[in-house]
């Protein structure tokens, strides 16, 4: 959706909003803070005991987005999620949003919580972060789980055309009103909705006196610039993975988005979707080529936020992978 461009990421993540900006809560989740260097970073704690699992969201999402799957994993593991610097209620320094600092913050969280080694679970651009962390600090990582990790190629104009088609369908821009935001988000994410996203919403948006939506804390300009720089340097798109990994890919997402639009738009989108999917399949082959320690699962007709749309299936796949005696 248009938020993809507003935060300066390609295919990394979009923010989902579906319900009234009223108080809501998730049973068994706590918002906490940890000091990492000079920063105060927000993390989400779902409790549990055993091996640590750390969720890393994509883009500038908060860790609350994982609230549909994290509690299911907390029955076997110690589960937390980190909201990155510059996002949610985490501190917003004027600079320092490069990959080295991003992964340093994750290690800082681990140190603060006395986690010598952990399994990392990354969504979207969070997948790029956990790959880089595992390469730089291999001894701190047990396994990796990727939830529709960011990929490097999107056909030029594809997302712009989808966004324009959705804007016409909903009758305006997503920030114009809560209703338009909800309708826009549902079209982008193929109807995915959950109370976890409601909780995420509390952290990021508010309604102004004019009825328009506003971000509670806008991401600093340098956040966009530094993340984009690292994306252009391919730091978010490295396909080399040496740790045991589960990679869940949401397939057919753009094609299913296009089906919601009128015939003319679908016709314009078709070659762009074909080109994007071809490159996507090539990247999946590159991930598979790492070896038998990589398990790839393709979920057909699934939203980018696959863990919101299909939480039982996604959490089941993760548990099966993590509890396997060979992992």
Foldseek 3Di string as FASTA:
>chain_A
DVVCPVLQHDFFDDAADADDLDDDDAPQKDWDWDDDPNWIWIKIWNAADDAEEEEEETRQFAPLLLRLQQNVCSPHHGYMYTGFALHFPIDADQADQALVSRLSVVVSVCVRVVQQAHEYEYAALRQLSVQVNCVVCVRRYAEYEYQAYHAQDAQPPQVVLLLVQLCVVLVHDLQAASSSVNSSSCLLFVNQDDVSSSVSCNRFWDADPNRGIDGPGHGHPNNSVNVNVVVVVVSSHDLADDHQYEYEHEPCSSVSSLVVGDPVSNVVNVVSVVVVVVVVVVSVVSNPVNDPSYHYHYDYPGGSSNCRRPVVVVSVVVCCSVVPPVD
